[in-house]
Structures are given as C-alpha cells and as structure tokens.
Amino acid sequence: MPHYSAIKGKGLAFLLLLWSLWFIIMLVRTTIGPILPLIEDEFLVRHAKATTLVSLFALGGALSTFAAGVFASKIGYKKSVLLCLAGSVAIFLLIPHVRTFFQLAVLLFVCGVVWGTYFPCVIPIVTGHFTPSIWGQSLAIQDTGASLAVLAAPLLATLMLRFISWRQFFYVYAAAYVVLGVFFQLSVKEVKGQKETNINFGALLKRPSLWVLGMLWALATGSFLGVYQVTPLYFTKELSFSTQYANTIFGLSRIGGVIFGVTMGFMADRFNLRKSMFIVVCLTGIFTMLIGHGNVTIVQIALFLQGTVVMGFFSIGLIAISRMFKLEERSIAAGLVATMAAILGSGLLPSLFGLAGDHLSFRFGMRAFGALVVLGSGLVCFLRVPHPREKRLQ
C-alpha cells in the first residue's frame, strides 16, 4: 500500500482523482434542488410532494450508508466504490424515460441507495493512502469537491437547460461516472485494515461521542443539503424570482464555502476542534434564521454567509472521525454518522420545509430550523476528540 507523504507529484494526482469523483458524486446529489421547480411544474405536484424526492433519495442513501459502513471493509473499499459507480450508471440511463412522478420517486430512491455506499469508503481510502501528518490537508482538499459541487450544481443546471432538458442531465452524469470509474480502477489500491484487529461493534455504539457527532452532523447536513434543496423552491415560489436568477444567485452564494472549508482543514491542527465546531455550528444557525428574514437583500447576504460557514464543519468533522477512530472503525463510524445526517438532515428536513411552504411559509421553516441549530451547537460540549499531540489512532 503506497503512503504518500506529501500532496505533490503522484500524491497530488491521486488526490485530484478522488476530488473529481467526490465532485461528480455530490453534483448528482445536489442536482435535484435546482431542477425541483421544473419537476414540480411538469408533474403538477405541490411543495410537500415535490420535496419527497429529496427525502426519498436521502432515505435510500441513509440505508445503504450504514450498511456500507459495516460491510465495506469486508467487501473492500475499492470494490464498494466501483459497485456504487456501476449501479449509478444503470439508474442514470433509466431516469430520462420516466413518465410518472411515482416512477421518478422510485428511481431516485434506488439511486440514493446506490449513492450512499460511497461516503463510508472515502475516509479509509484517503487515510489509507496518505501519511497521518497530512490527513487534515488531504481530507480538506478532497472535501472541497462537495463544496464546489454545491456551487456548480445550480449554475450548471442553468447552463445545461439552455441546450438539454433536465432528464438528459443524467446521460451526462452517466458518461462522467464511466470515465472516472476507469481511472479509479487503474489508480486506487485496495485498503485493508489490520486483520488481527476485531471490531467491537457494541462497544463502538456505546461511545457517546459517536452519537454526539452524528447529531451535530445531522444539523450541519440539514443546514447544507436540507436548506440547499428547498431554496430554489423558496426563491421561485415564495420570493417570485425567476428560475434562472434564483439558480444563479443560489450558486454564487456557495463560493465562500469552497475557500472556508479547505482553510478549516489546513488550520485544524492549530485550533481546538471542539471550539471551532461550536463556532461554525452556532454561526450556521444564526445565518439560517436570517435566510427567513423579510428583507430580500438580507436573505441573499445571509444565504452567502450560511453557505460559507457551514462548509467548515465537514472538514472539521472528517478530521475528527480520523482522530477518534481506528482505521478499521472509520467506515462504520462514518456510516453511522452519515446515516443519522441523511435521515434527519437531508431526509426529514426537506419534507418539513415543504409542509411549511404549503401551510405556513418557507420563511417560518428557515427561522425555526436555524433556532434549532443554534441550540444544538451546545452538543459540542459532550464531544471528545483527541488532540493531535496525543497518540494517533491508525
């Protein structure tokens, strides 16, 4: 197993491949939001029903993420990723042919199931190829693929809609998955844990920090993906923005997150992770509340600040997992954390936003959830993250 000791040369090329793969995978995940107004109009459904597409995708992802966290180490992290890519391509080729909302919902649920197998494999693959001294930098750089996907999704949607329909988006994604899958197969070595180490699954589940991190991750994911997926509906249906303007403003508001996320990753070893996490979560909640403000200018400024700050959490969170758990435990821990986040943050929350949009307003939903995030930031007090000067868990 090669261990890259620096992010340059072959190490940089390898990290760029993982970055590209995470970018396109997250691009697919975040595409639903920007095209949701079009789907809603085409199938003539209300907000609550339209947002179930987001929830079903997230639920499917939650189910497979947890399973992948448990079994990926046995199957092989590389094999799990390749199965994820192959299954996704098959579904992408079917989605353009759906004729009913139910058919689309079923395929997106299945797509979520396949999609969810990727995340638990990310941390073991990155930490298995790079030396511990640069885990923070490599994880942070790799994770910018997600923040750039969030930035790119609405802008690419606006651009591609000039030439193709939203259904044909999935042909483009299928082609990208095939190309990156080939490079992944040729470049990545299988990562294996220490065979003599038996994982005490029960003891792992009894660790309070695992559940605290899961709840914090759920709040951050809700602020990131939950808010993200319904913002186009909020802008077009409640604030009366055009779809093109809404997606453009929405996409540009994610620029700061790219820079802030990687900055937090590089600075993580210099600051206390718990304090950094508290500040990030608390500020995210405040800015989420302001997205529900009555002044449209304040809403747009708050959207930019919220999208910037929340991305810092995931860089910190990935580093926290790499410090808190052994290599053999990381996929399970990541799977459990991501499952909680998917069910609550990106699954349940968009449906609640949809109900709020139908019966009250999206503004009310943003304010209520933002207040919950501010209160939830206090959970950081119960988190135990080893300092980098302590013995690393490898």
Protein backbone atom coordinates (compact mmCIF):
# COMPACT_ATOMS: atom_id res chain seq x y z
CA MET A 1 0.00 0.00 0.00
CA PRO A 2 1.64 3.29 -1.05
CA HIS A 3 1.59 6.03 1.55
CA TYR A 4 2.00 9.47 0.06
CA SER A 5 3.91 11.72 2.42
CA ALA A 6 3.21 14.97 0.57
CA ILE A 7 0.47 16.46 -1.57
CA LYS A 8 2.56 16.79 -4.70
CA GLY A 9 3.52 14.71 -7.70
CA LYS A 10 1.75 11.34 -7.67
CA GLY A 11 0.13 12.18 -4.35
CA LEU A 12 -1.45 15.29 -5.83
CA ALA A 13 -2.60 13.42 -8.93
CA PHE A 14 -4.18 10.72 -6.78
CA LEU A 15 -5.93 13.30 -4.62
CA LEU A 16 -7.18 15.10 -7.73
CA LEU A 17 -8.81 11.87 -8.90
CA LEU A 18 -10.59 11.41 -5.56
CA TRP A 19 -11.57 15.07 -5.63
CA SER A 20 -13.07 14.72 -9.12
CA LEU A 21 -15.00 11.63 -8.10
CA TRP A 22 -16.40 13.30 -4.96
CA PHE A 23 -17.29 16.36 -7.04
CA ILE A 24 -19.37 14.46 -9.60
CA ILE A 25 -20.99 12.25 -6.96
CA MET A 26 -22.05 15.29 -4.93
CA LEU A 27 -23.10 17.07 -8.12
CA VAL A 28 -25.64 14.32 -8.71
CA ARG A 29 -26.77 14.56 -5.08
CA THR A 30 -27.30 18.31 -5.28
CA THR A 31 -28.88 18.45 -8.74
CA ILE A 32 -32.38 17.65 -7.51
CA GLY A 33 -32.81 21.01 -5.76
CA PRO A 34 -32.09 23.27 -8.76
CA ILE A 35 -34.43 21.28 -11.03
CA LEU A 36 -37.14 20.74 -8.40
CA PRO A 37 -39.28 23.71 -9.60
CA LEU A 38 -39.27 22.21 -13.12
CA ILE A 39 -40.22 18.77 -11.82
CA GLU A 40 -42.97 20.30 -9.70
CA ASP A 41 -44.44 22.11 -12.72
CA GLU A 42 -44.10 19.13 -15.08
CA PHE A 43 -45.81 16.63 -12.79
CA LEU A 44 -48.23 19.21 -11.28
CA VAL A 45 -47.46 18.46 -7.62
CA ARG A 46 -47.37 20.66 -4.51
CA HIS A 47 -44.29 21.60 -2.49
CA ALA A 48 -44.73 18.85 0.09
CA LYS A 49 -44.95 16.13 -2.57
CA ALA A 50 -42.12 17.53 -4.68
CA THR A 51 -39.75 17.63 -1.71
CA THR A 52 -40.39 13.93 -1.05
CA LEU A 53 -38.00 13.29 -3.95
CA VAL A 54 -35.22 14.81 -1.88
CA SER A 55 -36.32 12.87 1.18
CA LEU A 56 -36.53 9.55 -0.68
CA PHE A 57 -33.06 10.00 -2.15
CA ALA A 58 -31.72 10.79 1.31
CA LEU A 59 -33.56 7.84 2.90
CA GLY A 60 -32.14 5.45 0.33
CA GLY A 61 -28.70 6.89 0.96
CA ALA A 62 -29.14 6.52 4.72
CA LEU A 63 -29.99 2.84 4.47
CA SER A 64 -27.02 1.97 2.28
CA THR A 65 -24.57 4.29 4.02
CA PHE A 66 -24.98 2.46 7.30
CA ALA A 67 -24.78 -0.95 5.61
CA ALA A 68 -21.70 0.11 3.65
CA GLY A 69 -20.10 1.39 6.84
CA VAL A 70 -20.43 -2.07 8.34
CA PHE A 71 -19.66 -4.26 5.31
CA ALA A 72 -17.39 -2.15 3.07
CA SER A 73 -14.27 -3.26 4.92
CA LYS A 74 -15.21 -6.89 4.27
CA ILE A 75 -16.11 -6.38 0.61
CA GLY A 76 -13.22 -3.98 0.04
CA TYR A 77 -13.43 -0.20 -0.09
CA LYS A 78 -12.32 -0.07 -3.72
CA LYS A 79 -14.81 -2.73 -4.81
CA SER A 80 -17.60 -0.93 -2.94
CA VAL A 81 -16.88 2.32 -4.80
CA LEU A 82 -16.81 0.54 -8.17
CA LEU A 83 -20.16 -1.13 -7.42
CA CYS A 84 -21.55 2.29 -6.48
CA LEU A 85 -20.44 3.78 -9.80
CA ALA A 86 -21.72 0.88 -11.91
CA GLY A 87 -25.12 0.83 -10.21
CA SER A 88 -25.47 4.61 -10.56
CA VAL A 89 -24.78 4.50 -14.30
CA ALA A 90 -27.57 1.95 -14.80
CA ILE A 91 -30.07 4.14 -12.94
CA PHE A 92 -28.98 7.31 -14.77
CA LEU A 93 -29.81 5.63 -18.06
CA LEU A 94 -33.35 4.84 -16.84
CA ILE A 95 -34.34 8.19 -15.27
CA PRO A 96 -34.76 10.10 -18.59
CA HIS A 97 -37.51 7.63 -19.58
CA VAL A 98 -39.81 8.04 -16.54
CA ARG A 99 -43.36 9.09 -17.32
CA THR A 100 -44.94 9.41 -13.87
CA PHE A 101 -43.93 11.06 -10.60
CA PHE A 102 -44.08 7.68 -8.88
CA GLN A 103 -41.58 6.17 -11.31
CA LEU A 104 -39.21 9.09 -10.74
CA ALA A 105 -39.58 8.75 -6.98
CA VAL A 106 -38.76 5.03 -7.07
CA LEU A 107 -35.68 5.52 -9.25
CA LEU A 108 -34.38 8.38 -7.10
CA PHE A 109 -34.83 6.24 -4.00
CA VAL A 110 -32.83 3.43 -5.62
CA CYS A 111 -30.28 5.99 -6.80
CA GLY A 112 -29.92 7.14 -3.21
CA VAL A 113 -29.38 3.54 -2.07
CA VAL A 114 -26.53 3.13 -4.57
CA TRP A 115 -25.14 6.62 -3.91
CA GLY A 116 -24.92 6.07 -0.16
CA THR A 117 -22.33 3.33 -0.44
CA TYR A 118 -19.61 5.83 -1.40
CA PHE A 119 -19.20 8.06 1.66
CA PRO A 120 -18.09 5.42 4.22
CA CYS A 121 -15.30 4.42 1.84
CA VAL A 122 -13.88 7.93 1.43
CA ILE A 123 -12.11 8.32 4.76
CA PRO A 124 -10.41 4.87 4.78
CA ILE A 125 -9.24 5.35 1.18
CA VAL A 126 -7.79 8.81 1.85
CA THR A 127 -6.21 7.96 5.21
CA GLY A 128 -5.02 4.63 3.83
CA HIS A 129 -3.06 6.29 1.03
CA PHE A 130 -1.67 9.34 2.85
CA THR A 131 0.51 9.53 5.95
CA PRO A 132 -1.18 10.76 9.17
CA SER A 133 0.75 14.04 9.16
CA ILE A 134 -1.22 15.27 6.13
CA TRP A 135 -4.62 13.73 6.83
CA GLY A 136 -6.08 17.14 7.64
CA GLN A 137 -4.90 18.72 4.39
CA SER A 138 -5.76 15.75 2.18
CA LEU A 139 -9.25 15.29 3.66
CA ALA A 140 -9.94 19.02 3.44
CA ILE A 141 -8.82 19.24 -0.20
CA GLN A 142 -10.81 16.12 -1.11
CA ASP A 143 -13.88 17.52 0.62
CA THR A 144 -13.80 20.73 -1.45
CA GLY A 145 -15.20 18.55 -4.22
CA ALA A 146 -18.50 18.60 -2.35
CA SER A 147 -18.49 22.35 -1.75
CA LEU A 148 -17.62 23.05 -5.39
CA ALA A 149 -20.39 20.68 -6.49
CA VAL A 150 -22.84 22.68 -4.41
CA LEU A 151 -21.57 25.83 -6.12
CA ALA A 152 -21.64 24.28 -9.57
CA ALA A 153 -24.97 22.42 -9.48
CA PRO A 154 -27.34 25.40 -9.89
CA LEU A 155 -25.01 27.18 -12.31
CA LEU A 156 -24.53 24.08 -14.45
CA ALA A 157 -28.27 23.44 -14.32
CA THR A 158 -28.93 26.94 -15.65
CA LEU A 159 -26.34 26.46 -18.41
CA MET A 160 -27.38 22.94 -19.46
CA LEU A 161 -31.07 23.82 -19.53
CA ARG A 162 -30.30 26.07 -22.49
CA PHE A 163 -29.33 23.02 -24.53
CA ILE A 164 -30.91 19.93 -22.99
CA SER A 165 -33.83 19.00 -20.74
CA TRP A 166 -33.44 18.15 -17.05
CA ARG A 167 -33.98 14.49 -17.96
CA GLN A 168 -30.92 14.45 -20.21
CA PHE A 169 -28.73 15.69 -17.36
CA PHE A 170 -28.46 12.08 -16.26
CA TYR A 171 -26.90 10.96 -19.54
CA VAL A 172 -24.11 13.46 -18.89
CA TYR A 173 -23.64 12.12 -15.36
CA ALA A 174 -23.54 8.53 -16.63
CA ALA A 175 -20.72 9.38 -19.05
CA ALA A 176 -18.74 11.17 -16.32
CA TYR A 177 -19.13 8.21 -13.93
CA VAL A 178 -17.82 5.78 -16.55
CA VAL A 179 -14.71 7.87 -17.27
CA LEU A 180 -13.85 8.45 -13.60
CA GLY A 181 -14.60 4.83 -12.77
CA VAL A 182 -11.96 3.66 -15.23
CA PHE A 183 -9.33 5.98 -13.73
CA PHE A 184 -10.34 4.92 -10.22
CA GLN A 185 -9.92 1.24 -11.11
CA LEU A 186 -6.45 1.88 -12.51
CA SER A 187 -5.17 4.20 -9.77
CA VAL A 188 -6.56 3.13 -6.39
CA LYS A 189 -5.17 0.26 -4.34
CA GLU A 190 -7.44 -1.76 -2.08
CA VAL A 191 -7.29 -0.53 1.53
CA LYS A 192 -7.43 -3.16 4.24
CA GLY A 193 -7.49 -2.85 7.99
CA GLN A 194 -5.37 -4.84 10.36
CA LYS A 195 -6.60 -8.43 10.10
CA GLU A 196 -5.75 -9.24 13.69
CA THR A 197 -7.99 -6.48 15.00
CA ASN A 198 -11.57 -7.40 15.79
CA ILE A 199 -14.04 -4.54 15.87
CA ASN A 200 -16.26 -4.49 18.94
CA PHE A 201 -19.35 -3.10 17.26
CA GLY A 202 -21.32 -2.92 20.50
CA ALA A 203 -18.57 -1.00 22.30
CA LEU A 204 -18.34 1.40 19.36
CA LEU A 205 -22.06 2.14 19.55
CA LYS A 206 -21.76 2.82 23.30
CA ARG A 207 -19.34 5.68 22.76
CA PRO A 208 -21.28 8.91 23.46
CA SER A 209 -19.03 10.99 21.20
CA LEU A 210 -20.17 8.94 18.19
CA TRP A 211 -23.82 9.88 18.75
CA VAL A 212 -23.00 13.49 19.58
CA LEU A 213 -21.00 13.79 16.36
CA GLY A 214 -23.91 12.20 14.49
CA MET A 215 -26.39 14.76 15.83
CA LEU A 216 -24.05 17.64 15.02
CA TRP A 217 -23.52 16.19 11.54
CA ALA A 218 -27.31 15.97 11.09
CA LEU A 219 -27.69 19.67 11.97
CA ALA A 220 -24.88 20.63 9.60
CA THR A 221 -26.26 18.43 6.82
CA GLY A 222 -29.70 19.95 7.31
CA SER A 223 -28.17 23.41 7.02
CA PHE A 224 -26.16 22.33 3.98
CA LEU A 225 -28.35 19.95 1.95
CA GLY A 226 -31.75 20.38 3.61
CA VAL A 227 -31.77 24.14 3.14
CA TYR A 228 -29.99 23.81 -0.20
CA GLN A 229 -32.57 21.52 -1.78
CA VAL A 230 -35.57 23.72 -0.99
CA THR A 231 -34.03 27.15 -1.56
CA PRO A 232 -34.84 27.15 -5.33
CA LEU A 233 -38.50 26.50 -4.44
CA TYR A 234 -38.37 29.21 -1.77
CA PHE A 235 -36.87 31.70 -4.22
CA THR A 236 -39.11 30.93 -7.20
CA LYS A 237 -42.43 30.22 -5.50
CA GLU A 238 -42.35 32.49 -2.45
CA LEU A 239 -39.96 35.31 -3.37
CA SER A 240 -41.05 35.28 -7.06
CA PHE A 241 -37.51 35.10 -8.51
CA SER A 242 -37.12 33.63 -11.99
CA THR A 243 -35.62 30.12 -12.09
CA GLN A 244 -32.51 31.40 -13.88
CA TYR A 245 -31.93 34.25 -11.41
CA ALA A 246 -32.64 32.02 -8.41
CA ASN A 247 -30.16 29.35 -9.51
CA THR A 248 -27.51 31.93 -10.39
CA ILE A 249 -27.71 33.74 -7.04
CA PHE A 250 -28.00 30.41 -5.28
CA GLY A 251 -24.89 29.03 -6.98
CA LEU A 252 -22.77 32.12 -6.41
CA SER A 253 -23.68 32.07 -2.71
CA ARG A 254 -21.68 28.82 -2.34
CA ILE A 255 -18.33 30.32 -3.47
CA GLY A 256 -17.19 31.20 0.04
CA GLY A 257 -17.77 27.66 1.27
CA VAL A 258 -15.08 26.27 -1.01
CA ILE A 259 -12.42 28.55 0.44
CA PHE A 260 -13.59 28.32 4.04
CA GLY A 261 -13.85 24.53 4.01
CA VAL A 262 -10.29 23.92 2.86
CA THR A 263 -8.98 26.69 5.15
CA MET A 264 -10.53 24.99 8.17
CA GLY A 265 -8.96 21.70 7.12
CA PHE A 266 -5.48 23.20 6.89
CA MET A 267 -5.86 25.12 10.16
CA ALA A 268 -7.45 22.29 12.15
CA ASP A 269 -4.22 21.20 13.85
CA ARG A 270 -3.65 24.74 15.15
CA PHE A 271 -7.02 25.20 16.81
CA ASN A 272 -9.20 23.24 19.21
CA LEU A 273 -11.60 21.17 17.08
CA ARG A 274 -14.43 21.36 19.61
CA LYS A 275 -14.30 25.15 19.87
CA SER A 276 -14.05 25.51 16.11
CA MET A 277 -17.01 23.18 15.63
CA PHE A 278 -19.12 25.11 18.15
CA ILE A 279 -18.45 28.45 16.45
CA VAL A 280 -19.18 27.04 13.00
CA VAL A 281 -22.46 25.36 14.02
CA CYS A 282 -23.69 28.33 16.03
CA LEU A 283 -22.99 30.84 13.23
CA THR A 284 -24.61 28.48 10.72
CA GLY A 285 -27.79 28.51 12.79
CA ILE A 286 -27.84 32.29 13.04
CA PHE A 287 -27.39 32.76 9.29
CA THR A 288 -30.03 30.10 8.56
CA MET A 289 -32.51 32.09 10.65
CA LEU A 290 -31.66 35.20 8.62
CA ILE A 291 -32.44 33.36 5.36
CA GLY A 292 -36.02 33.58 6.59
CA HIS A 293 -35.81 37.37 7.05
CA GLY A 294 -38.43 39.60 5.46
CA ASN A 295 -35.85 41.75 3.64
CA VAL A 296 -34.80 40.15 0.34
CA THR A 297 -31.34 41.77 0.44
CA ILE A 298 -30.66 40.35 3.91
CA VAL A 299 -31.86 36.94 2.69
CA GLN A 300 -29.31 36.90 -0.13
CA ILE A 301 -26.45 38.07 2.13
CA ALA A 302 -27.39 35.50 4.78
CA LEU A 303 -27.51 32.77 2.13
CA PHE A 304 -23.92 33.57 1.14
CA LEU A 305 -22.69 33.66 4.76
CA GLN A 306 -24.55 30.48 5.69
CA GLY A 307 -23.18 28.61 2.67
CA THR A 308 -19.67 29.77 3.57
CA VAL A 309 -19.64 28.91 7.26
CA VAL A 310 -21.40 25.54 7.15
CA MET A 311 -18.76 24.03 4.84
CA GLY A 312 -16.18 24.46 7.59
CA PHE A 313 -17.99 21.85 9.67
CA PHE A 314 -17.46 18.95 7.28
CA SER A 315 -13.70 19.47 7.04
CA ILE A 316 -13.52 19.53 10.83
CA GLY A 317 -15.87 16.57 11.10
CA LEU A 318 -13.82 14.37 8.77
CA ILE A 319 -10.67 15.15 10.72
CA ALA A 320 -12.50 14.41 13.98
CA ILE A 321 -13.51 10.96 12.68
CA SER A 322 -9.94 10.22 11.58
CA ARG A 323 -8.68 11.10 15.09
CA MET A 324 -11.44 9.45 17.11
CA PHE A 325 -11.50 6.03 15.42
CA LYS A 326 -9.06 3.38 14.24
CA LEU A 327 -8.76 2.59 10.53
CA GLU A 328 -10.98 -0.49 10.93
CA GLU A 329 -13.64 1.59 12.72
CA ARG A 330 -13.70 4.62 10.46
CA SER A 331 -16.03 3.30 7.78
CA ILE A 332 -18.51 2.13 10.44
CA ALA A 333 -18.32 5.43 12.32
CA ALA A 334 -18.63 7.44 9.11
CA GLY A 335 -21.52 5.24 8.00
CA LEU A 336 -23.44 5.70 11.24
CA VAL A 337 -22.81 9.44 11.36
CA ALA A 338 -23.80 9.89 7.73
CA THR A 339 -26.91 7.74 8.23
CA MET A 340 -28.15 9.93 11.07
CA ALA A 341 -27.41 13.01 8.98
CA ALA A 342 -29.19 11.61 5.92
CA ILE A 343 -32.33 10.56 7.79
CA LEU A 344 -32.71 13.76 9.79
CA GLY A 345 -30.83 16.47 7.92
CA SER A 346 -31.30 15.74 4.23
CA GLY A 347 -34.27 13.35 4.51
CA LEU A 348 -36.84 14.53 7.03
CA LEU A 349 -35.99 18.23 6.94
CA PRO A 350 -36.81 18.97 3.26
CA SER A 351 -40.25 17.38 3.72
CA LEU A 352 -40.84 19.55 6.79
CA PHE A 353 -39.77 22.59 4.78
CA GLY A 354 -42.23 21.54 2.06
CA LEU A 355 -45.07 21.28 4.59
CA ALA A 356 -44.12 24.67 5.99
CA GLY A 357 -44.15 26.11 2.46
CA ASP A 358 -47.64 24.73 1.80
CA HIS A 359 -49.27 25.64 5.12
CA LEU A 360 -47.19 28.48 6.62
CA SER A 361 -44.17 29.71 4.66
CA PHE A 362 -40.62 28.73 3.82
CA ARG A 363 -39.53 31.74 5.87
CA PHE A 364 -41.04 30.22 9.00
CA GLY A 365 -39.29 26.94 8.31
CA MET A 366 -35.90 28.63 7.93
CA ARG A 367 -36.29 30.57 11.17
CA ALA A 368 -37.42 27.56 13.19
CA PHE A 369 -34.66 25.29 11.92
CA GLY A 370 -32.00 27.98 12.37
CA ALA A 371 -33.00 28.36 16.02
CA LEU A 372 -32.72 24.59 16.48
CA VAL A 373 -29.20 24.62 15.01
CA VAL A 374 -28.11 27.40 17.39
CA LEU A 375 -29.39 25.39 20.35
CA GLY A 376 -27.80 22.20 19.00
CA SER A 377 -24.35 23.78 18.87
CA GLY A 378 -24.16 23.21 22.62
CA LEU A 379 -23.82 19.47 21.98
CA VAL A 380 -20.15 20.12 21.21
CA CYS A 381 -19.55 20.24 24.98
CA PHE A 382 -20.14 16.47 25.10
CA LEU A 383 -17.72 15.63 22.28
CA ARG A 384 -14.35 14.01 22.96
CA VAL A 385 -11.76 14.49 20.19
CA PRO A 386 -8.10 13.53 20.83
CA HIS A 387 -5.57 16.30 20.38
CA PRO A 388 -3.08 15.77 17.51
CA ARG A 389 -0.24 15.58 20.05
CA GLU A 390 -1.90 12.53 21.60
CA LYS A 391 -1.17 9.11 20.10
CA ARG A 392 -2.90 8.89 16.73
CA LEU A 393 -5.32 6.07 16.04
CA GLN A 394 -4.05 4.32 12.93
